[in-house]
Amino acid sequence: MAATGELIRLINYVDDIVTTLRRISASIPTIEPEERKRLAEHIRTANSSFTAVLAQLEKGGQ
């Protein structure tokens, strides 16, 4: 089955997220402890959005 343009665009967004996470991981050793804590809190907040999208996909987008 061929992928639609929308699917390809969405997959590219996920690839961008993965690339960003790799960059964050590479930067962690250079970040001050307080900044790491703030970044972790921000990522935790984003994680709930990510989890919600996964749940929608698994339910069929309803």
PDB file of N, CA and C in Angstrom:
ATOM      1  N   MET A   1       0.846  -1.178   0.000  1.00  0.00           N
ATOM      2  CA  MET A   1       0.000   0.000   0.000  1.00  0.00           C
ATOM      3  C   MET A   1       0.892   1.242   0.000  1.00  0.00           C
ATOM      4  N   ALA A   2       0.603   2.148  -0.888  1.00  0.00           N
ATOM      5  CA  ALA A   2       1.392   3.373  -1.006  1.00  0.00           C
ATOM      6  C   ALA A   2       1.053   4.338   0.125  1.00  0.00           C
ATOM      7  N   ALA A   3       2.062   5.072   0.566  1.00  0.00           N
ATOM      8  CA  ALA A   3       1.860   6.068   1.625  1.00  0.00           C
ATOM      9  C   ALA A   3       1.323   7.362   1.018  1.00  0.00           C
ATOM     10  N   THR A   4       0.397   7.977   1.723  1.00  0.00           N
ATOM     11  CA  THR A   4      -0.129   9.261   1.272  1.00  0.00           C
ATOM     12  C   THR A   4       0.876  10.357   1.613  1.00  0.00           C
ATOM     13  N   GLY A   5       0.696  11.497   1.001  1.00  0.00           N
ATOM     14  CA  GLY A   5       1.556  12.639   1.296  1.00  0.00           C
ATOM     15  C   GLY A   5       1.471  13.042   2.761  1.00  0.00           C
ATOM     16  N   GLU A   6       0.264  12.937   3.320  1.00  0.00           N
ATOM     17  CA  GLU A   6       0.062  13.295   4.733  1.00  0.00           C
ATOM     18  C   GLU A   6       0.833  12.344   5.646  1.00  0.00           C
ATOM     19  N   LEU A   7       0.795  11.048   5.352  1.00  0.00           N
ATOM     20  CA  LEU A   7       1.540  10.080   6.157  1.00  0.00           C
ATOM     21  C   LEU A   7       3.037  10.358   6.095  1.00  0.00           C
ATOM     22  N   ILE A   8       3.539  10.630   4.916  1.00  0.00           N
ATOM     23  CA  ILE A   8       4.967  10.933   4.765  1.00  0.00           C
ATOM     24  C   ILE A   8       5.335  12.177   5.562  1.00  0.00           C
ATOM     25  N   ARG A   9       4.502  13.195   5.518  1.00  0.00           N
ATOM     26  CA  ARG A   9       4.748  14.423   6.274  1.00  0.00           C
ATOM     27  C   ARG A   9       4.780  14.137   7.776  1.00  0.00           C
ATOM     28  N   LEU A  10       3.823  13.345   8.255  1.00  0.00           N
ATOM     29  CA  LEU A  10       3.765  13.013   9.685  1.00  0.00           C
ATOM     30  C   LEU A  10       4.969  12.179  10.120  1.00  0.00           C
ATOM     31  N   ILE A  11       5.384  11.246   9.279  1.00  0.00           N
ATOM     32  CA  ILE A  11       6.577  10.450   9.589  1.00  0.00           C
ATOM     33  C   ILE A  11       7.809  11.347   9.643  1.00  0.00           C
ATOM     34  N   ASN A  12       7.883  12.323   8.758  1.00  0.00           N
ATOM     35  CA  ASN A  12       8.999  13.273   8.797  1.00  0.00           C
ATOM     36  C   ASN A  12       9.005  14.064  10.103  1.00  0.00           C
ATOM     37  N   TYR A  13       7.821  14.404  10.619  1.00  0.00           N
ATOM     38  CA  TYR A  13       7.750  15.083  11.917  1.00  0.00           C
ATOM     39  C   TYR A  13       8.337  14.193  13.014  1.00  0.00           C
ATOM     40  N   VAL A  14       7.991  12.913  12.986  1.00  0.00           N
ATOM     41  CA  VAL A  14       8.527  11.984  13.982  1.00  0.00           C
ATOM     42  C   VAL A  14      10.047  11.890  13.838  1.00  0.00           C
ATOM     43  N   ASP A  15      10.539  11.828  12.614  1.00  0.00           N
ATOM     44  CA  ASP A  15      11.992  11.802  12.392  1.00  0.00           C
ATOM     45  C   ASP A  15      12.654  13.049  12.959  1.00  0.00           C
ATOM     46  N   ASP A  16      11.995  14.202  12.818  1.00  0.00           N
ATOM     47  CA  ASP A  16      12.524  15.446  13.396  1.00  0.00           C
ATOM     48  C   ASP A  16      12.592  15.357  14.915  1.00  0.00           C
ATOM     49  N   ILE A  17      11.568  14.758  15.519  1.00  0.00           N
ATOM     50  CA  ILE A  17      11.562  14.585  16.976  1.00  0.00           C
ATOM     51  C   ILE A  17      12.726  13.703  17.409  1.00  0.00           C
ATOM     52  N   VAL A  18      12.948  12.613  16.695  1.00  0.00           N
ATOM     53  CA  VAL A  18      14.046  11.697  17.022  1.00  0.00           C
ATOM     54  C   VAL A  18      15.391  12.403  16.895  1.00  0.00           C
ATOM     55  N   THR A  19      15.567  13.181  15.848  1.00  0.00           N
ATOM     56  CA  THR A  19      16.808  13.934  15.657  1.00  0.00           C
ATOM     57  C   THR A  19      17.013  14.927  16.795  1.00  0.00           C
ATOM     58  N   THR A  20      15.951  15.607  17.179  1.00  0.00           N
ATOM     59  CA  THR A  20      16.033  16.563  18.282  1.00  0.00           C
ATOM     60  C   THR A  20      16.424  15.861  19.578  1.00  0.00           C
ATOM     61  N   LEU A  21      15.845  14.701  19.839  1.00  0.00           N
ATOM     62  CA  LEU A  21      16.186  13.954  21.053  1.00  0.00           C
ATOM     63  C   LEU A  21      17.653  13.519  21.042  1.00  0.00           C
ATOM     64  N   ARG A  22      18.163  13.145  19.885  1.00  0.00           N
ATOM     65  CA  ARG A  22      19.593  12.801  19.781  1.00  0.00           C
ATOM     66  C   ARG A  22      20.465  14.007  20.110  1.00  0.00           C
ATOM     67  N   ARG A  23      20.075  15.172  19.612  1.00  0.00           N
ATOM     68  CA  ARG A  23      20.836  16.401  19.896  1.00  0.00           C
ATOM     69  C   ARG A  23      20.786  16.741  21.378  1.00  0.00           C
ATOM     70  N   ILE A  24      19.610  16.573  21.976  1.00  0.00           N
ATOM     71  CA  ILE A  24      19.482  16.821  23.415  1.00  0.00           C
ATOM     72  C   ILE A  24      20.377  15.861  24.183  1.00  0.00           C
ATOM     73  N   SER A  25      20.331  14.588  23.837  1.00  0.00           N
ATOM     74  CA  SER A  25      21.163  13.587  24.520  1.00  0.00           C
ATOM     75  C   SER A  25      22.643  13.919  24.415  1.00  0.00           C
ATOM     76  N   ALA A  26      23.072  14.369  23.262  1.00  0.00           N
ATOM     77  CA  ALA A  26      24.482  14.716  23.071  1.00  0.00           C
ATOM     78  C   ALA A  26      24.879  15.947  23.883  1.00  0.00           C
ATOM     79  N   SER A  27      23.925  16.818  24.170  1.00  0.00           N
ATOM     80  CA  SER A  27      24.203  18.058  24.904  1.00  0.00           C
ATOM     81  C   SER A  27      24.139  17.904  26.414  1.00  0.00           C
ATOM     82  N   ILE A  28      23.556  16.839  26.899  1.00  0.00           N
ATOM     83  CA  ILE A  28      23.344  16.677  28.344  1.00  0.00           C
ATOM     84  C   ILE A  28      24.622  16.857  29.163  1.00  0.00           C
ATOM     85  N   PRO A  29      25.751  16.292  28.752  1.00  0.00           N
ATOM     86  CA  PRO A  29      26.955  16.457  29.578  1.00  0.00           C
ATOM     87  C   PRO A  29      27.409  17.912  29.742  1.00  0.00           C
ATOM     88  N   THR A  30      26.997  18.783  28.842  1.00  0.00           N
ATOM     89  CA  THR A  30      27.443  20.182  28.905  1.00  0.00           C
ATOM     90  C   THR A  30      26.460  21.098  29.622  1.00  0.00           C
ATOM     91  N   ILE A  31      25.324  20.553  30.037  1.00  0.00           N
ATOM     92  CA  ILE A  31      24.278  21.361  30.660  1.00  0.00           C
ATOM     93  C   ILE A  31      24.460  21.348  32.178  1.00  0.00           C
ATOM     94  N   GLU A  32      24.269  22.505  32.770  1.00  0.00           N
ATOM     95  CA  GLU A  32      24.359  22.631  34.232  1.00  0.00           C
ATOM     96  C   GLU A  32      23.244  21.821  34.900  1.00  0.00           C
ATOM     97  N   PRO A  33      23.470  21.329  36.117  1.00  0.00           N
ATOM     98  CA  PRO A  33      22.458  20.504  36.799  1.00  0.00           C
ATOM     99  C   PRO A  33      21.081  21.163  36.899  1.00  0.00           C
ATOM    100  N   GLU A  34      21.028  22.446  37.214  1.00  0.00           N
ATOM    101  CA  GLU A  34      19.730  23.126  37.312  1.00  0.00           C
ATOM    102  C   GLU A  34      19.033  23.183  35.951  1.00  0.00           C
ATOM    103  N   GLU A  35      19.809  23.412  34.902  1.00  0.00           N
ATOM    104  CA  GLU A  35      19.239  23.436  33.551  1.00  0.00           C
ATOM    105  C   GLU A  35      18.747  22.050  33.152  1.00  0.00           C
ATOM    106  N   ARG A  36      19.492  21.013  33.535  1.00  0.00           N
ATOM    107  CA  ARG A  36      19.052  19.639  33.249  1.00  0.00           C
ATOM    108  C   ARG A  36      17.712  19.354  33.903  1.00  0.00           C
ATOM    109  N   LYS A  37      17.567  19.813  35.139  1.00  0.00           N
ATOM    110  CA  LYS A  37      16.318  19.612  35.869  1.00  0.00           C
ATOM    111  C   LYS A  37      15.164  20.305  35.143  1.00  0.00           C
ATOM    112  N   ARG A  38      15.370  21.547  34.723  1.00  0.00           N
ATOM    113  CA  ARG A  38      14.321  22.283  34.006  1.00  0.00           C
ATOM    114  C   ARG A  38      13.974  21.609  32.683  1.00  0.00           C
ATOM    115  N   LEU A  39      14.996  21.136  31.980  1.00  0.00           N
ATOM    116  CA  LEU A  39      14.758  20.450  30.705  1.00  0.00           C
ATOM    117  C   LEU A  39      13.987  19.156  30.930  1.00  0.00           C
ATOM    118  N   ALA A  40      14.354  18.417  31.973  1.00  0.00           N
ATOM    119  CA  ALA A  40      13.642  17.175  32.287  1.00  0.00           C
ATOM    120  C   ALA A  40      12.168  17.444  32.568  1.00  0.00           C
ATOM    121  N   GLU A  41      11.881  18.503  33.306  1.00  0.00           N
ATOM    122  CA  GLU A  41      10.486  18.860  33.601  1.00  0.00           C
ATOM    123  C   GLU A  41       9.727  19.187  32.315  1.00  0.00           C
ATOM    124  N   HIS A  42      10.380  19.902  31.434  1.00  0.00           N
ATOM    125  CA  HIS A  42       9.739  20.273  30.169  1.00  0.00           C
ATOM    126  C   HIS A  42       9.479  19.029  29.311  1.00  0.00           C
ATOM    127  N   ILE A  43      10.434  18.119  29.262  1.00  0.00           N
ATOM    128  CA  ILE A  43      10.266  16.889  28.486  1.00  0.00           C
ATOM    129  C   ILE A  43       9.152  16.036  29.093  1.00  0.00           C
ATOM    130  N   ARG A  44       9.072  15.996  30.421  1.00  0.00           N
ATOM    131  CA  ARG A  44       7.995  15.250  31.079  1.00  0.00           C
ATOM    132  C   ARG A  44       6.626  15.777  30.642  1.00  0.00           C
ATOM    133  N   THR A  45       6.504  17.083  30.535  1.00  0.00           N
ATOM    134  CA  THR A  45       5.251  17.694  30.086  1.00  0.00           C
ATOM    135  C   THR A  45       4.946  17.282  28.642  1.00  0.00           C
ATOM    136  N   ALA A  46       5.959  17.297  27.798  1.00  0.00           N
ATOM    137  CA  ALA A  46       5.777  16.907  26.395  1.00  0.00           C
ATOM    138  C   ALA A  46       5.423  15.428  26.284  1.00  0.00           C
ATOM    139  N   ASN A  47       5.942  14.620  27.202  1.00  0.00           N
ATOM    140  CA  ASN A  47       5.682  13.188  27.165  1.00  0.00           C
ATOM    141  C   ASN A  47       4.191  12.881  27.265  1.00  0.00           C
ATOM    142  N   SER A  48       3.457  13.652  28.063  1.00  0.00           N
ATOM    143  CA  SER A  48       2.023  13.395  28.180  1.00  0.00           C
ATOM    144  C   SER A  48       1.322  13.629  26.841  1.00  0.00           C
ATOM    145  N   SER A  49       1.766  14.620  26.094  1.00  0.00           N
ATOM    146  CA  SER A  49       1.197  14.861  24.759  1.00  0.00           C
ATOM    147  C   SER A  49       1.529  13.711  23.821  1.00  0.00           C
ATOM    148  N   PHE A  50       2.754  13.238  23.896  1.00  0.00           N
ATOM    149  CA  PHE A  50       3.195  12.123  23.059  1.00  0.00           C
ATOM    150  C   PHE A  50       2.372  10.871  23.374  1.00  0.00           C
ATOM    151  N   THR A  51       2.176  10.614  24.661  1.00  0.00           N
ATOM    152  CA  THR A  51       1.398   9.456  25.086  1.00  0.00           C
ATOM    153  C   THR A  51      -0.048   9.565  24.616  1.00  0.00           C
ATOM    154  N   ALA A  52      -0.614  10.766  24.671  1.00  0.00           N
ATOM    155  CA  ALA A  52      -1.996  10.967  24.219  1.00  0.00           C
ATOM    156  C   ALA A  52      -2.135  10.691  22.725  1.00  0.00           C
ATOM    157  N   VAL A  53      -1.164  11.119  21.941  1.00  0.00           N
ATOM    158  CA  VAL A  53      -1.206  10.871  20.494  1.00  0.00           C
ATOM    159  C   VAL A  53      -1.103   9.372  20.216  1.00  0.00           C
ATOM    160  N   LEU A  54      -0.217   8.683  20.936  1.00  0.00           N
ATOM    161  CA  LEU A  54      -0.105   7.236  20.760  1.00  0.00           C
ATOM    162  C   LEU A  54      -1.428   6.538  21.085  1.00  0.00           C
ATOM    163  N   ALA A  55      -2.065   6.971  22.140  1.00  0.00           N
ATOM    164  CA  ALA A  55      -3.352   6.374  22.518  1.00  0.00           C
ATOM    165  C   ALA A  55      -4.384   6.587  21.413  1.00  0.00           C
ATOM    166  N   GLN A  56      -4.415   7.790  20.833  1.00  0.00           N
ATOM    167  CA  GLN A  56      -5.349   8.062  19.732  1.00  0.00           C
ATOM    168  C   GLN A  56      -5.073   7.158  18.543  1.00  0.00           C
ATOM    169  N   LEU A  57      -3.796   6.992  18.210  1.00  0.00           N
ATOM    170  CA  LEU A  57      -3.441   6.138  17.074  1.00  0.00           C
ATOM    171  C   LEU A  57      -3.870   4.698  17.311  1.00  0.00           C
ATOM    172  N   GLU A  58      -3.654   4.232  18.528  1.00  0.00           N
ATOM    173  CA  GLU A  58      -4.015   2.836  18.841  1.00  0.00           C
ATOM    174  C   GLU A  58      -5.514   2.623  18.874  1.00  0.00           C
ATOM    175  N   LYS A  59      -6.284   3.655  19.228  1.00  0.00           N
ATOM    176  CA  LYS A  59      -7.747   3.543  19.249  1.00  0.00           C
ATOM    177  C   LYS A  59      -8.341   3.741  17.865  1.00  0.00           C
ATOM    178  N   GLY A  60      -7.555   4.167  16.939  1.00  0.00           N
ATOM    179  CA  GLY A  60      -8.067   4.399  15.594  1.00  0.00           C
ATOM    180  C   GLY A  60      -8.420   5.849  15.331  1.00  0.00           C
ATOM    181  N   GLY A  61      -7.892   6.755  16.144  1.00  0.00           N
ATOM    182  CA  GLY A  61      -8.095   8.184  15.928  1.00  0.00           C
ATOM    183  C   GLY A  61      -9.445   8.715  16.336  1.00  0.00           C
ATOM    184  N   GLN A  62     -10.167   7.958  17.124  1.00  0.00           N
ATOM    185  CA  GLN A  62     -11.508   8.399  17.531  1.00  0.00           C
ATOM    186  C   GLN A  62     -11.456   9.375  18.669  1.00  0.00           C
TER     187      GLN A  62
END
